PDB file of all heavy atoms in Angstrom:
ATOM      1  N   GLN A   1      -4.758   2.645 -11.838  1.00  0.00           N
ATOM      2  CA  GLN A   1      -4.898   2.382 -10.406  1.00  0.00           C
ATOM      3  C   GLN A   1      -4.980   0.877 -10.154  1.00  0.00           C
ATOM      4  O   GLN A   1      -4.674   0.413  -9.079  1.00  0.00           O
ATOM      5  CB  GLN A   1      -6.123   3.106  -9.850  1.00  0.00           C
ATOM      6  CG  GLN A   1      -6.063   4.612 -10.018  1.00  0.00           C
ATOM      7  CD  GLN A   1      -4.815   5.262  -9.418  1.00  0.00           C
ATOM      8  OE1 GLN A   1      -4.310   4.851  -8.384  1.00  0.00           O
ATOM      9  NE2 GLN A   1      -4.302   6.270 -10.095  1.00  0.00           N
ATOM     10  N   GLU A   2      -5.409   0.131 -11.150  1.00  0.00           N
ATOM     11  CA  GLU A   2      -5.393  -1.325 -11.075  1.00  0.00           C
ATOM     12  C   GLU A   2      -4.050  -1.772 -11.635  1.00  0.00           C
ATOM     13  O   GLU A   2      -3.761  -1.561 -12.803  1.00  0.00           O
ATOM     14  CB  GLU A   2      -6.533  -1.920 -11.909  1.00  0.00           C
ATOM     15  CG  GLU A   2      -7.907  -1.595 -11.383  1.00  0.00           C
ATOM     16  CD  GLU A   2      -8.170  -2.232 -10.027  1.00  0.00           C
ATOM     17  OE1 GLU A   2      -7.723  -3.373  -9.794  1.00  0.00           O
ATOM     18  OE2 GLU A   2      -8.816  -1.578  -9.187  1.00  0.00           O
ATOM     19  N   VAL A   3      -3.219  -2.348 -10.804  1.00  0.00           N
ATOM     20  CA  VAL A   3      -1.887  -2.747 -11.225  1.00  0.00           C
ATOM     21  C   VAL A   3      -1.748  -4.257 -11.150  1.00  0.00           C
ATOM     22  O   VAL A   3      -2.508  -4.922 -10.446  1.00  0.00           O
ATOM     23  CB  VAL A   3      -0.796  -2.052 -10.376  1.00  0.00           C
ATOM     24  CG1 VAL A   3      -0.874  -0.543 -10.510  1.00  0.00           C
ATOM     25  CG2 VAL A   3      -0.881  -2.475  -8.927  1.00  0.00           C
ATOM     26  N   PRO A   4      -0.756  -4.817 -11.860  1.00  0.00           N
ATOM     27  CA  PRO A   4      -0.550  -6.265 -11.786  1.00  0.00           C
ATOM     28  C   PRO A   4      -0.233  -6.716 -10.357  1.00  0.00           C
ATOM     29  O   PRO A   4       0.370  -5.977  -9.578  1.00  0.00           O
ATOM     30  CB  PRO A   4       0.664  -6.496 -12.696  1.00  0.00           C
ATOM     31  CG  PRO A   4       0.759  -5.285 -13.553  1.00  0.00           C
ATOM     32  CD  PRO A   4       0.165  -4.156 -12.767  1.00  0.00           C
ATOM     33  N   ALA A   5      -0.625  -7.935 -10.027  1.00  0.00           N
ATOM     34  CA  ALA A   5      -0.393  -8.476  -8.682  1.00  0.00           C
ATOM     35  C   ALA A   5       1.091  -8.451  -8.325  1.00  0.00           C
ATOM     36  O   ALA A   5       1.445  -8.281  -7.156  1.00  0.00           O
ATOM     37  CB  ALA A   5      -0.948  -9.894  -8.592  1.00  0.00           C
ATOM     38  N   ALA A   6       1.977  -8.586  -9.321  1.00  0.00           N
ATOM     39  CA  ALA A   6       3.423  -8.579  -9.064  1.00  0.00           C
ATOM     40  C   ALA A   6       3.893  -7.268  -8.446  1.00  0.00           C
ATOM     41  O   ALA A   6       4.938  -7.221  -7.806  1.00  0.00           O
ATOM     42  CB  ALA A   6       4.190  -8.842 -10.358  1.00  0.00           C
ATOM     43  N   LEU A   7       3.109  -6.194  -8.619  1.00  0.00           N
ATOM     44  CA  LEU A   7       3.486  -4.907  -8.037  1.00  0.00           C
ATOM     45  C   LEU A   7       2.980  -4.749  -6.614  1.00  0.00           C
ATOM     46  O   LEU A   7       3.218  -3.731  -5.983  1.00  0.00           O
ATOM     47  CB  LEU A   7       2.972  -3.760  -8.904  1.00  0.00           C
ATOM     48  CG  LEU A   7       3.576  -3.662 -10.294  1.00  0.00           C
ATOM     49  CD1 LEU A   7       3.064  -2.434 -11.008  1.00  0.00           C
ATOM     50  CD2 LEU A   7       5.081  -3.674 -10.254  1.00  0.00           C
ATOM     51  N   GLY A   8       2.304  -5.738  -6.088  1.00  0.00           N
ATOM     52  CA  GLY A   8       1.781  -5.687  -4.723  1.00  0.00           C
ATOM     53  C   GLY A   8       2.782  -6.214  -3.713  1.00  0.00           C
ATOM     54  O   GLY A   8       2.429  -6.980  -2.830  1.00  0.00           O
ATOM     55  N   GLN A   9       4.015  -5.823  -3.834  1.00  0.00           N
ATOM     56  CA  GLN A   9       5.073  -6.303  -2.946  1.00  0.00           C
ATOM     57  C   GLN A   9       5.339  -5.273  -1.851  1.00  0.00           C
ATOM     58  O   GLN A   9       5.991  -4.269  -2.076  1.00  0.00           O
ATOM     59  CB  GLN A   9       6.347  -6.548  -3.777  1.00  0.00           C
ATOM     60  CG  GLN A   9       7.464  -7.165  -2.988  1.00  0.00           C
ATOM     61  CD  GLN A   9       8.551  -7.683  -3.891  1.00  0.00           C
ATOM     62  OE1 GLN A   9       8.318  -8.592  -4.674  1.00  0.00           O
ATOM     63  NE2 GLN A   9       9.727  -7.109  -3.797  1.00  0.00           N
ATOM     64  N   TRP A  10       4.803  -5.528  -0.680  1.00  0.00           N
ATOM     65  CA  TRP A  10       4.955  -4.637   0.472  1.00  0.00           C
ATOM     66  C   TRP A  10       5.964  -5.242   1.431  1.00  0.00           C
ATOM     67  O   TRP A  10       5.887  -6.434   1.748  1.00  0.00           O
ATOM     68  CB  TRP A  10       3.611  -4.433   1.162  1.00  0.00           C
ATOM     69  CG  TRP A  10       2.685  -3.591   0.355  1.00  0.00           C
ATOM     70  CD1 TRP A  10       1.924  -4.006  -0.712  1.00  0.00           C
ATOM     71  CD2 TRP A  10       2.455  -2.192   0.494  1.00  0.00           C
ATOM     72  NE1 TRP A  10       1.232  -2.940  -1.235  1.00  0.00           N
ATOM     73  CE2 TRP A  10       1.531  -1.811  -0.517  1.00  0.00           C
ATOM     74  CE3 TRP A  10       2.924  -1.232   1.371  1.00  0.00           C
ATOM     75  CZ2 TRP A  10       1.083  -0.513  -0.666  1.00  0.00           C
ATOM     76  CZ3 TRP A  10       2.474   0.074   1.231  1.00  0.00           C
ATOM     77  CH2 TRP A  10       1.568   0.421   0.224  1.00  0.00           C
ATOM     78  N   LEU A  11       6.913  -4.452   1.907  1.00  0.00           N
ATOM     79  CA  LEU A  11       7.870  -4.944   2.895  1.00  0.00           C
ATOM     80  C   LEU A  11       7.187  -5.168   4.229  1.00  0.00           C
ATOM     81  O   LEU A  11       7.545  -6.051   4.989  1.00  0.00           O
ATOM     82  CB  LEU A  11       9.030  -3.961   3.063  1.00  0.00           C
ATOM     83  CG  LEU A  11       9.925  -3.836   1.837  1.00  0.00           C
ATOM     84  CD1 LEU A  11      11.040  -2.857   2.103  1.00  0.00           C
ATOM     85  CD2 LEU A  11      10.481  -5.187   1.428  1.00  0.00           C
ATOM     86  N   GLN A  12       6.201  -4.350   4.495  1.00  0.00           N
ATOM     87  CA  GLN A  12       5.383  -4.474   5.690  1.00  0.00           C
ATOM     88  C   GLN A  12       3.992  -3.993   5.305  1.00  0.00           C
ATOM     89  O   GLN A  12       3.850  -2.979   4.628  1.00  0.00           O
ATOM     90  CB  GLN A  12       5.961  -3.608   6.804  1.00  0.00           C
ATOM     91  CG  GLN A  12       5.220  -3.696   8.095  1.00  0.00           C
ATOM     92  CD  GLN A  12       5.882  -2.840   9.185  1.00  0.00           C
ATOM     93  OE1 GLN A  12       6.794  -2.063   8.917  1.00  0.00           O
ATOM     94  NE2 GLN A  12       5.404  -2.986  10.385  1.00  0.00           N
ATOM     95  N   GLU A  13       2.974  -4.742   5.695  1.00  0.00           N
ATOM     96  CA  GLU A  13       1.614  -4.352   5.350  1.00  0.00           C
ATOM     97  C   GLU A  13       1.317  -2.961   5.922  1.00  0.00           C
ATOM     98  O   GLU A  13       1.700  -2.651   7.050  1.00  0.00           O
ATOM     99  CB  GLU A  13       0.600  -5.358   5.881  1.00  0.00           C
ATOM    100  CG  GLU A  13       0.588  -6.659   5.109  1.00  0.00           C
ATOM    101  CD  GLU A  13       0.178  -6.485   3.653  1.00  0.00           C
ATOM    102  OE1 GLU A  13      -0.735  -5.683   3.355  1.00  0.00           O
ATOM    103  OE2 GLU A  13       0.776  -7.166   2.798  1.00  0.00           O
ATOM    104  N   PRO A  14       0.646  -2.110   5.139  1.00  0.00           N
ATOM    105  CA  PRO A  14       0.322  -0.763   5.628  1.00  0.00           C
ATOM    106  C   PRO A  14      -0.685  -0.810   6.772  1.00  0.00           C
ATOM    107  O   PRO A  14      -1.432  -1.772   6.928  1.00  0.00           O
ATOM    108  CB  PRO A  14      -0.265  -0.062   4.404  1.00  0.00           C
ATOM    109  CG  PRO A  14      -0.627  -1.134   3.450  1.00  0.00           C
ATOM    110  CD  PRO A  14       0.195  -2.331   3.773  1.00  0.00           C
ATOM    111  N   LEU A  15      -0.688   0.247   7.547  1.00  0.00           N
ATOM    112  CA  LEU A  15      -1.603   0.404   8.668  1.00  0.00           C
ATOM    113  C   LEU A  15      -3.043   0.246   8.196  1.00  0.00           C
ATOM    114  O   LEU A  15      -3.439   0.857   7.199  1.00  0.00           O
ATOM    115  CB  LEU A  15      -1.408   1.795   9.283  1.00  0.00           C
ATOM    116  CG  LEU A  15      -2.290   2.193  10.438  1.00  0.00           C
ATOM    117  CD1 LEU A  15      -1.935   1.355  11.674  1.00  0.00           C
ATOM    118  CD2 LEU A  15      -2.099   3.666  10.749  1.00  0.00           C
ATOM    119  N   ARG A  16      -3.826  -0.563   8.875  1.00  0.00           N
ATOM    120  CA  ARG A  16      -5.248  -0.726   8.529  1.00  0.00           C
ATOM    121  C   ARG A  16      -5.999   0.467   9.079  1.00  0.00           C
ATOM    122  O   ARG A  16      -6.054   0.671  10.285  1.00  0.00           O
ATOM    123  CB  ARG A  16      -5.773  -2.027   9.101  1.00  0.00           C
ATOM    124  CG  ARG A  16      -5.106  -3.244   8.476  1.00  0.00           C
ATOM    125  CD  ARG A  16      -5.612  -4.501   9.079  1.00  0.00           C
ATOM    126  NE  ARG A  16      -6.992  -4.676   8.646  1.00  0.00           N
ATOM    127  CZ  ARG A  16      -7.752  -5.677   9.011  1.00  0.00           C
ATOM    128  NH1 ARG A  16      -7.313  -6.585   9.824  1.00  0.00           N
ATOM    129  NH2 ARG A  16      -9.002  -5.768   8.571  1.00  0.00           N
ATOM    130  N   SER A  17      -6.567   1.249   8.170  1.00  0.00           N
ATOM    131  CA  SER A  17      -7.253   2.472   8.577  1.00  0.00           C
ATOM    132  C   SER A  17      -8.202   2.931   7.486  1.00  0.00           C
ATOM    133  O   SER A  17      -8.028   2.602   6.323  1.00  0.00           O
ATOM    134  CB  SER A  17      -6.204   3.557   8.842  1.00  0.00           C
ATOM    135  OG  SER A  17      -6.830   4.797   9.063  1.00  0.00           O
ATOM    136  N   CYS A  18      -9.189   3.722   7.892  1.00  0.00           N
ATOM    137  CA  CYS A  18     -10.083   4.397   6.947  1.00  0.00           C
ATOM    138  C   CYS A  18     -10.183   5.879   7.274  1.00  0.00           C
ATOM    139  O   CYS A  18     -11.022   6.579   6.720  1.00  0.00           O
ATOM    140  CB  CYS A  18     -11.482   3.777   6.993  1.00  0.00           C
ATOM    141  SG  CYS A  18     -11.571   2.066   6.470  1.00  0.00           S
ATOM    142  N   VAL A  19      -9.356   6.365   8.187  1.00  0.00           N
ATOM    143  CA  VAL A  19      -9.491   7.746   8.640  1.00  0.00           C
ATOM    144  C   VAL A  19      -8.182   8.537   8.601  1.00  0.00           C
ATOM    145  O   VAL A  19      -8.168   9.710   8.950  1.00  0.00           O
ATOM    146  CB  VAL A  19     -10.071   7.799  10.070  1.00  0.00           C
ATOM    147  CG1 VAL A  19     -11.485   7.235  10.106  1.00  0.00           C
ATOM    148  CG2 VAL A  19      -9.179   7.072  11.053  1.00  0.00           C
ATOM    149  N   THR A  20      -7.086   7.915   8.161  1.00  0.00           N
ATOM    150  CA  THR A  20      -5.791   8.581   8.186  1.00  0.00           C
ATOM    151  C   THR A  20      -5.172   8.594   6.799  1.00  0.00           C
ATOM    152  O   THR A  20      -5.058   7.536   6.166  1.00  0.00           O
ATOM    153  CB  THR A  20      -4.824   7.844   9.149  1.00  0.00           C
ATOM    154  OG1 THR A  20      -5.444   7.742  10.428  1.00  0.00           O
ATOM    155  CG2 THR A  20      -3.518   8.581   9.278  1.00  0.00           C
ATOM    156  N   ALA A  21      -4.771   9.757   6.323  1.00  0.00           N
ATOM    157  CA  ALA A  21      -4.041   9.845   5.052  1.00  0.00           C
ATOM    158  C   ALA A  21      -2.650   9.268   5.269  1.00  0.00           C
ATOM    159  O   ALA A  21      -2.020   9.514   6.300  1.00  0.00           O
ATOM    160  CB  ALA A  21      -3.950  11.294   4.588  1.00  0.00           C
ATOM    161  N   ARG A  22      -2.174   8.480   4.317  1.00  0.00           N
ATOM    162  CA  ARG A  22      -0.868   7.842   4.427  1.00  0.00           C
ATOM    163  C   ARG A  22      -0.143   7.917   3.086  1.00  0.00           C
ATOM    164  O   ARG A  22      -0.774   7.942   2.034  1.00  0.00           O
ATOM    165  CB  ARG A  22      -1.008   6.372   4.833  1.00  0.00           C
ATOM    166  CG  ARG A  22      -1.770   6.130   6.116  1.00  0.00           C
ATOM    167  CD  ARG A  22      -1.085   6.633   7.343  1.00  0.00           C
ATOM    168  NE  ARG A  22       0.091   5.822   7.600  1.00  0.00           N
ATOM    169  CZ  ARG A  22       0.920   6.021   8.601  1.00  0.00           C
ATOM    170  NH1 ARG A  22       0.716   7.016   9.434  1.00  0.00           N
ATOM    171  NH2 ARG A  22       1.949   5.247   8.789  1.00  0.00           N
ATOM    172  N   CYS A  23       1.171   7.915   3.139  1.00  0.00           N
ATOM    173  CA  CYS A  23       2.015   7.931   1.948  1.00  0.00           C
ATOM    174  C   CYS A  23       2.887   6.682   1.972  1.00  0.00           C
ATOM    175  O   CYS A  23       3.172   6.144   3.033  1.00  0.00           O
ATOM    176  CB  CYS A  23       2.921   9.156   1.950  1.00  0.00           C
ATOM    177  SG  CYS A  23       2.035  10.704   2.137  1.00  0.00           S
ATOM    178  N   ALA A  24       3.323   6.254   0.802  1.00  0.00           N
ATOM    179  CA  ALA A  24       4.215   5.102   0.720  1.00  0.00           C
ATOM    180  C   ALA A  24       5.326   5.407  -0.277  1.00  0.00           C
ATOM    181  O   ALA A  24       5.149   6.198  -1.200  1.00  0.00           O
ATOM    182  CB  ALA A  24       3.446   3.853   0.299  1.00  0.00           C
ATOM    183  N   GLY A  25       6.449   4.777  -0.057  1.00  0.00           N
ATOM    184  CA  GLY A  25       7.600   4.960  -0.932  1.00  0.00           C
ATOM    185  C   GLY A  25       8.129   3.630  -1.420  1.00  0.00           C
ATOM    186  O   GLY A  25       7.682   2.567  -0.989  1.00  0.00           O
ATOM    187  N   LEU A  26       9.090   3.700  -2.314  1.00  0.00           N
ATOM    188  CA  LEU A  26       9.761   2.522  -2.855  1.00  0.00           C
ATOM    189  C   LEU A  26      11.006   2.289  -2.011  1.00  0.00           C
ATOM    190  O   LEU A  26      11.909   3.130  -1.983  1.00  0.00           O
ATOM    191  CB  LEU A  26      10.133   2.758  -4.323  1.00  0.00           C
ATOM    192  CG  LEU A  26      10.914   1.656  -5.005  1.00  0.00           C
ATOM    193  CD1 LEU A  26      10.121   0.354  -5.019  1.00  0.00           C
ATOM    194  CD2 LEU A  26      11.269   2.074  -6.425  1.00  0.00           C
TER     195      LEU A  26
END
C-alpha cells in the first residue's frame, strides 16, 4: 500500500472526501 513517489502520478487530483467510496483507473 506504500508505493514509490514515482507512482503518485495523477492526471487530476482525486475528489477530497472522507465519506464517498471512489475508484481509480490507469
